[in-house]
C-alpha atoms as a PDB file:
ATOM      1  CA  MET A   1      -0.382  -0.046   0.006  1.00  0.00           C
ATOM      2  CA  SER A   2       2.863   2.003   0.212  1.00  0.00           C
ATOM      3  CA  GLY A   3       4.594   1.546  -2.558  1.00  0.00           C
ATOM      4  CA  GLN A   4       7.852   1.631  -0.724  1.00  0.00           C
ATOM      5  CA  ARG A   5      10.459  -0.519  -3.184  1.00  0.00           C
ATOM      6  CA  ARG A   6      14.195  -1.547  -1.964  1.00  0.00           C
ATOM      7  CA  GLU A   7      16.787  -3.759  -3.419  1.00  0.00           C
ATOM      8  CA  LEU A   8      17.568  -7.026  -1.320  1.00  0.00           C
ATOM      9  CA  PRO A   9      21.277  -7.661  -1.596  1.00  0.00           C
ATOM     10  CA  GLU A  10      21.470 -10.626   1.042  1.00  0.00           C
ATOM     11  CA  TYR A  11      20.327 -14.125  -1.182  1.00  0.00           C
ATOM     12  CA  GLU A  12      21.703 -17.363  -2.327  1.00  0.00           C
ATOM     13  CA  GLU A  13      21.975 -18.987  -5.394  1.00  0.00           C
ATOM     14  CA  LYS A  14      21.796 -23.426  -5.106  1.00  0.00           C
ATOM     15  CA  ASP A  15      20.669 -25.419  -7.330  1.00  0.00           C
ATOM     16  CA  GLY A  16      19.555 -23.817 -10.249  1.00  0.00           C
ATOM     17  CA  ARG A  17      16.875 -22.156  -6.934  1.00  0.00           C
ATOM     18  CA  ILE A  18      17.827 -18.545  -5.579  1.00  0.00           C
ATOM     19  CA  ALA A  19      16.872 -18.467  -2.094  1.00  0.00           C
ATOM     20  CA  VAL A  20      16.163 -14.318  -0.695  1.00  0.00           C
ATOM     21  CA  PRO A  21      15.292 -13.254   3.545  1.00  0.00           C
ATOM     22  CA  VAL A  22      12.518 -11.838   3.722  1.00  0.00           C
ATOM     23  CA  ARG A  23      11.085 -10.534   7.059  1.00  0.00           C
ATOM     24  CA  LEU A  24       8.401  -9.858   7.884  1.00  0.00           C
ATOM     25  CA  GLU A  25       5.878  -8.379  10.572  1.00  0.00           C
ATOM     26  CA  PRO A  26       2.720  -9.438  11.680  1.00  0.00           C
ATOM     27  CA  PHE A  27      -0.279  -8.956   9.018  1.00  0.00           C
ATOM     28  CA  GLU A  28       2.235  -7.209   6.503  1.00  0.00           C
ATOM     29  CA  SER A  29       3.524  -8.823   3.321  1.00  0.00           C
ATOM     30  CA  GLY A  30       5.498  -7.717   0.187  1.00  0.00           C
ATOM     31  CA  PHE A  31       6.224  -8.649  -3.291  1.00  0.00           C
ATOM     32  CA  VAL A  32       9.954  -9.848  -4.109  1.00  0.00           C
ATOM     33  CA  VAL A  33      10.077  -8.812  -8.337  1.00  0.00           C
ATOM     34  CA  PHE A  34      13.113 -10.426  -9.911  1.00  0.00           C
ATOM     35  CA  ARG A  35      13.950  -7.519 -12.426  1.00  0.00           C
ATOM     36  CA  ASN A  36      17.631  -9.080 -13.792  1.00  0.00           C
ATOM     37  CA  PRO A  37      19.365 -12.079 -13.603  1.00  0.00           C
ATOM     38  CA  ALA A  38      20.948 -12.458 -10.620  1.00  0.00           C
ATOM     39  CA  VAL A  39      24.537 -11.339 -10.391  1.00  0.00           C
ATOM     40  CA  LYS A  40      26.388 -12.664  -7.570  1.00  0.00           C
ATOM     41  CA  GLN A  41      28.372  -9.968  -5.812  1.00  0.00           C
ATOM     42  CA  SER A  42      30.741  -9.679  -2.677  1.00  0.00           C
ATOM     43  CA  THR A  43      28.451  -8.057  -0.020  1.00  0.00           C
ATOM     44  CA  SER A  44      28.299  -8.478   3.122  1.00  0.00           C
ATOM     45  CA  GLN A  45      24.974  -6.313   3.016  1.00  0.00           C
ATOM     46  CA  LYS A  46      21.769  -7.958   4.531  1.00  0.00           C
ATOM     47  CA  ASN A  47      18.126  -7.343   3.714  1.00  0.00           C
ATOM     48  CA  PHE A  48      17.100  -6.123   6.930  1.00  0.00           C
ATOM     49  CA  PRO A  49      18.914  -4.540   9.678  1.00  0.00           C
ATOM     50  CA  GLU A  50      20.116  -6.122  12.344  1.00  0.00           C
ATOM     51  CA  PHE A  51      18.528  -5.160  16.233  1.00  0.00           C
ATOM     52  CA  LYS A  52      20.848  -4.263  19.055  1.00  0.00           C
ATOM     53  CA  THR A  53      20.140  -3.797  22.644  1.00  0.00           C
ATOM     54  CA  ILE A  54      20.598  -0.742  23.805  1.00  0.00           C
ATOM     55  CA  VAL A  55      18.690  -0.825  26.910  1.00  0.00           C
ATOM     56  CA  LYS A  56      17.265  -3.392  29.087  1.00  0.00           C
ATOM     57  CA  LEU A  57      14.834  -2.698  30.217  1.00  0.00           C
ATOM     58  CA  SER A  58      14.159  -3.529  34.421  1.00  0.00           C
ATOM     59  CA  ALA A  59      11.665  -1.129  35.983  1.00  0.00           C
ATOM     60  CA  PRO A  60       7.465  -2.809  36.504  1.00  0.00           C
ATOM     61  CA  TRP A  61       5.205  -2.447  33.483  1.00  0.00           C
ATOM     62  CA  GLU A  62       1.668  -1.518  34.204  1.00  0.00           C
ATOM     63  CA  VAL A  63      -0.791  -3.014  32.731  1.00  0.00           C
ATOM     64  CA  THR A  64      -4.191  -1.528  32.846  1.00  0.00           C
ATOM     65  CA  PHE A  65      -7.085  -3.442  31.224  1.00  0.00           C
ATOM     66  CA  ASP A  66     -10.656  -2.744  30.563  1.00  0.00           C
ATOM     67  CA  ARG A  67     -13.295  -3.647  33.297  1.00  0.00           C
ATOM     68  CA  MET A  68     -16.124  -4.003  31.113  1.00  0.00           C
ATOM     69  CA  TRP A  69     -14.650  -7.268  29.577  1.00  0.00           C
ATOM     70  CA  GLY A  70     -13.736  -8.837  32.696  1.00  0.00           C
ATOM     71  CA  GLY A  71     -10.165  -7.579  33.120  1.00  0.00           C
ATOM     72  CA  PRO A  72      -8.682  -6.489  36.358  1.00  0.00           C
ATOM     73  CA  ALA A  73      -7.962  -2.410  36.563  1.00  0.00           C
ATOM     74  CA  THR A  74      -4.604  -2.842  37.242  1.00  0.00           C
ATOM     75  CA  LEU A  75      -1.707  -5.703  37.493  1.00  0.00           C
ATOM     76  CA  ILE A  76       1.789  -4.363  38.142  1.00  0.00           C
ATOM     77  CA  THR A  77       4.448  -6.908  37.037  1.00  0.00           C
ATOM     78  CA  ALA A  78       8.434  -7.450  36.588  1.00  0.00           C
ATOM     79  CA  ASN A  79       8.339  -9.147  33.704  1.00  0.00           C
ATOM     80  CA  LEU A  80       6.119  -9.254  30.101  1.00  0.00           C
ATOM     81  CA  GLU A  81       4.459 -12.785  30.041  1.00  0.00           C
ATOM     82  CA  ASP A  82       1.685 -14.574  28.182  1.00  0.00           C
ATOM     83  CA  TRP A  83      -1.529 -13.991  30.396  1.00  0.00           C
ATOM     84  CA  SER A  84      -2.791 -17.394  29.475  1.00  0.00           C
ATOM     85  CA  LYS A  85      -0.169 -17.950  31.686  1.00  0.00           C
ATOM     86  CA  ARG A  86      -1.651 -16.458  34.406  1.00  0.00           C
ATOM     87  CA  ALA A  87      -2.958 -18.036  37.745  1.00  0.00           C
ATOM     88  CA  GLU A  88      -6.284 -15.001  37.582  1.00  0.00           C
ATOM     89  CA  PRO A  89      -8.974 -16.094  35.439  1.00  0.00           C
ATOM     90  CA  GLY A  90      -9.579 -12.413  34.814  1.00  0.00           C
ATOM     91  CA  ILE A  91      -6.388 -12.187  32.877  1.00  0.00           C
ATOM     92  CA  ARG A  92      -6.264 -15.623  31.543  1.00  0.00           C
ATOM     93  CA  TYR A  93      -9.086 -15.887  30.005  1.00  0.00           C
ATOM     94  CA  TYR A  94      -8.799 -11.795  29.067  1.00  0.00           C
ATOM     95  CA  SER A  95      -9.436 -10.721  25.574  1.00  0.00           C
ATOM     96  CA  GLY A  96      -9.878  -6.822  25.083  1.00  0.00           C
ATOM     97  CA  LYS A  97      -7.152  -4.065  25.257  1.00  0.00           C
ATOM     98  CA  ALA A  98      -4.474  -3.684  27.500  1.00  0.00           C
ATOM     99  CA  VAL A  99      -2.236  -0.452  27.707  1.00  0.00           C
ATOM    100  CA  TYR A 100       0.673  -1.139  28.839  1.00  0.00           C
ATOM    101  CA  HIS A 101       3.134   1.114  30.850  1.00  0.00           C
ATOM    102  CA  THR A 102       6.801   1.754  32.671  1.00  0.00           C
ATOM    103  CA  THR A 103       9.775   4.767  32.488  1.00  0.00           C
ATOM    104  CA  PHE A 104      13.259   4.060  31.917  1.00  0.00           C
ATOM    105  CA  ALA A 105      15.593   6.810  30.569  1.00  0.00           C
ATOM    106  CA  VAL A 106      17.858   6.196  27.470  1.00  0.00           C
ATOM    107  CA  GLY A 107      21.937   7.103  27.667  1.00  0.00           C
ATOM    108  CA  GLU A 108      24.611   9.140  25.968  1.00  0.00           C
ATOM    109  CA  GLY A 109      25.190   7.089  22.491  1.00  0.00           C
ATOM    110  CA  ALA A 110      21.542   4.634  21.952  1.00  0.00           C
ATOM    111  CA  ALA A 111      19.653   5.062  18.796  1.00  0.00           C
ATOM    112  CA  GLY A 112      17.321   8.632  18.506  1.00  0.00           C
ATOM    113  CA  SER A 113      20.100  10.758  21.007  1.00  0.00           C
ATOM    114  CA  ALA A 114      22.471  13.752  18.718  1.00  0.00           C
ATOM    115  CA  GLY A 115      24.346  12.624  15.943  1.00  0.00           C
ATOM    116  CA  GLU A 116      22.715   8.647  15.967  1.00  0.00           C
ATOM    117  CA  ARG A 117      20.094   6.942  13.764  1.00  0.00           C
ATOM    118  CA  GLY A 118      17.913   3.816  14.389  1.00  0.00           C
ATOM    119  CA  ASP A 119      14.428   2.336  14.356  1.00  0.00           C
ATOM    120  CA  ARG A 120      12.776   3.985  17.268  1.00  0.00           C
ATOM    121  CA  ARG A 121       9.864   1.367  16.476  1.00  0.00           C
ATOM    122  CA  LEU A 122       8.612  -0.618  19.967  1.00  0.00           C
ATOM    123  CA  PRO A 123       8.555  -3.949  19.325  1.00  0.00           C
ATOM    124  CA  ARG A 124       4.757  -5.080  19.607  1.00  0.00           C
ATOM    125  CA  LEU A 125       3.229  -6.959  22.401  1.00  0.00           C
END
Protein backbone atom coordinates (compact mmCIF):
# COMPACT_ATOMS: atom_id res chain seq x y z
CA MET A 1 0.00 0.00 0.00
CA SER A 2 2.92 2.35 0.59
CA GLY A 3 4.60 1.64 -2.76
CA GLN A 4 7.97 1.45 -1.03
CA ARG A 5 10.65 -0.36 -3.07
CA ARG A 6 14.19 -1.36 -2.19
CA GLU A 7 16.92 -3.75 -3.21
CA LEU A 8 17.52 -6.97 -1.26
CA PRO A 9 21.26 -7.57 -1.70
CA GLU A 10 21.43 -10.71 0.46
CA TYR A 11 20.48 -13.93 -1.34
CA GLU A 12 21.78 -17.41 -2.05
CA GLU A 13 21.72 -19.25 -5.36
CA LYS A 14 21.81 -23.04 -5.05
CA ASP A 15 20.69 -25.88 -7.32
CA GLY A 16 19.10 -23.48 -9.83
CA ARG A 17 17.05 -21.73 -7.13
CA ILE A 18 17.38 -18.38 -5.43
CA ALA A 19 16.67 -18.04 -1.70
CA VAL A 20 16.04 -14.51 -0.43
CA PRO A 21 15.79 -13.90 3.34
CA VAL A 22 12.60 -11.92 3.99
CA ARG A 23 11.32 -10.72 7.35
CA LEU A 24 7.68 -9.63 7.74
CA GLU A 25 5.80 -8.29 10.74
CA PRO A 26 2.47 -9.96 11.66
CA PHE A 27 -0.17 -9.16 9.01
CA GLU A 28 2.49 -7.55 6.79
CA SER A 29 3.03 -8.59 3.19
CA GLY A 30 5.29 -7.71 0.29
CA PHE A 31 6.27 -8.64 -3.24
CA VAL A 32 9.64 -9.97 -4.32
CA VAL A 33 10.27 -9.02 -7.95
CA PHE A 34 13.21 -10.39 -9.92
CA ARG A 35 13.87 -7.70 -12.52
CA ASN A 36 17.47 -8.43 -13.45
CA PRO A 37 19.53 -11.60 -13.83
CA ALA A 38 21.17 -12.60 -10.56
CA VAL A 39 24.73 -11.32 -10.43
CA LYS A 40 26.35 -12.40 -7.19
CA GLN A 41 28.32 -9.53 -5.78
CA SER A 42 30.69 -9.70 -2.87
CA THR A 43 28.63 -7.85 -0.32
CA SER A 44 28.22 -8.04 3.40
CA GLN A 45 24.98 -6.09 3.26
CA LYS A 46 21.95 -7.67 4.89
CA ASN A 47 18.37 -7.35 3.67
CA PHE A 48 17.23 -6.14 7.09
CA PRO A 49 18.97 -4.27 9.90
CA GLU A 50 20.39 -6.19 12.81
CA PHE A 51 18.79 -5.06 16.06
CA LYS A 52 20.87 -4.56 19.14
CA THR A 53 19.86 -4.11 22.76
CA ILE A 54 20.27 -0.47 23.73
CA VAL A 55 18.96 -0.63 27.24
CA LYS A 56 17.40 -3.46 29.23
CA LEU A 57 14.09 -2.39 30.75
CA SER A 58 14.07 -3.44 34.39
CA ALA A 59 11.40 -1.14 35.84
CA PRO A 60 8.06 -2.80 36.60
CA TRP A 61 5.23 -2.65 34.07
CA GLU A 62 1.80 -1.29 34.92
CA VAL A 63 -0.83 -3.03 32.79
CA THR A 64 -4.31 -1.52 32.70
CA PHE A 65 -7.21 -3.69 31.52
CA ASP A 66 -10.76 -2.77 30.58
CA ARG A 67 -12.99 -3.89 33.47
CA MET A 68 -16.02 -3.99 31.16
CA TRP A 69 -14.34 -6.95 29.39
CA GLY A 70 -13.69 -8.83 32.65
CA GLY A 71 -10.13 -7.77 33.31
CA PRO A 72 -8.74 -6.45 36.57
CA ALA A 73 -8.27 -2.69 36.82
CA THR A 74 -4.47 -2.80 37.01
CA LEU A 75 -1.65 -5.31 37.22
CA ILE A 76 1.91 -4.48 38.28
CA THR A 77 4.41 -7.02 36.95
CA ALA A 78 8.20 -7.24 36.67
CA ASN A 79 8.13 -9.09 33.34
CA LEU A 80 6.01 -9.14 30.21
CA GLU A 81 4.37 -12.52 29.93
CA ASP A 82 1.73 -14.56 28.15
CA TRP A 83 -1.69 -13.79 29.63
CA SER A 84 -2.86 -17.39 29.11
CA LYS A 85 -0.24 -18.56 31.62
CA ARG A 86 -1.43 -16.25 34.42
CA ALA A 87 -3.30 -17.77 37.39
CA GLU A 88 -5.92 -15.00 37.61
CA PRO A 89 -9.00 -15.87 35.50
CA GLY A 90 -9.59 -12.16 34.75
CA ILE A 91 -6.22 -12.07 32.99
CA ARG A 92 -5.90 -15.66 31.80
CA TYR A 93 -9.15 -15.51 29.80
CA TYR A 94 -9.13 -11.78 29.06
CA SER A 95 -9.96 -10.87 25.48
CA GLY A 96 -9.66 -7.15 25.11
CA LYS A 97 -7.27 -4.23 24.95
CA ALA A 98 -4.65 -3.60 27.60
CA VAL A 99 -2.32 -0.62 28.00
CA TYR A 100 1.29 -1.20 29.09
CA HIS A 101 3.22 1.54 30.86
CA THR A 102 6.75 1.76 32.24
CA THR A 103 9.39 4.45 32.61
CA PHE A 104 13.02 4.25 31.52
CA ALA A 105 15.95 6.49 30.61
CA VAL A 106 18.06 6.11 27.48
CA GLY A 107 21.69 7.08 27.87
CA GLU A 108 24.07 8.94 25.57
CA GLY A 109 24.94 7.12 22.34
CA ALA A 110 21.66 5.22 22.15
CA ALA A 111 19.51 5.23 19.01
CA GLY A 112 17.66 8.49 18.69
CA SER A 113 20.23 10.56 20.58
CA ALA A 114 22.17 13.33 18.85
CA GLY A 115 24.17 12.09 15.87
CA GLU A 116 22.83 8.54 16.07
CA ARG A 117 20.20 6.97 13.81
CA GLY A 118 18.11 3.96 14.60
CA ASP A 119 14.70 2.31 14.44
CA ARG A 120 12.45 4.01 16.97
CA ARG A 121 9.62 1.48 16.75
CA LEU A 122 8.74 -0.31 19.96
CA PRO A 123 8.16 -4.06 19.78
CA ARG A 124 4.58 -5.21 19.33
CA LEU A 125 3.24 -6.89 22.44
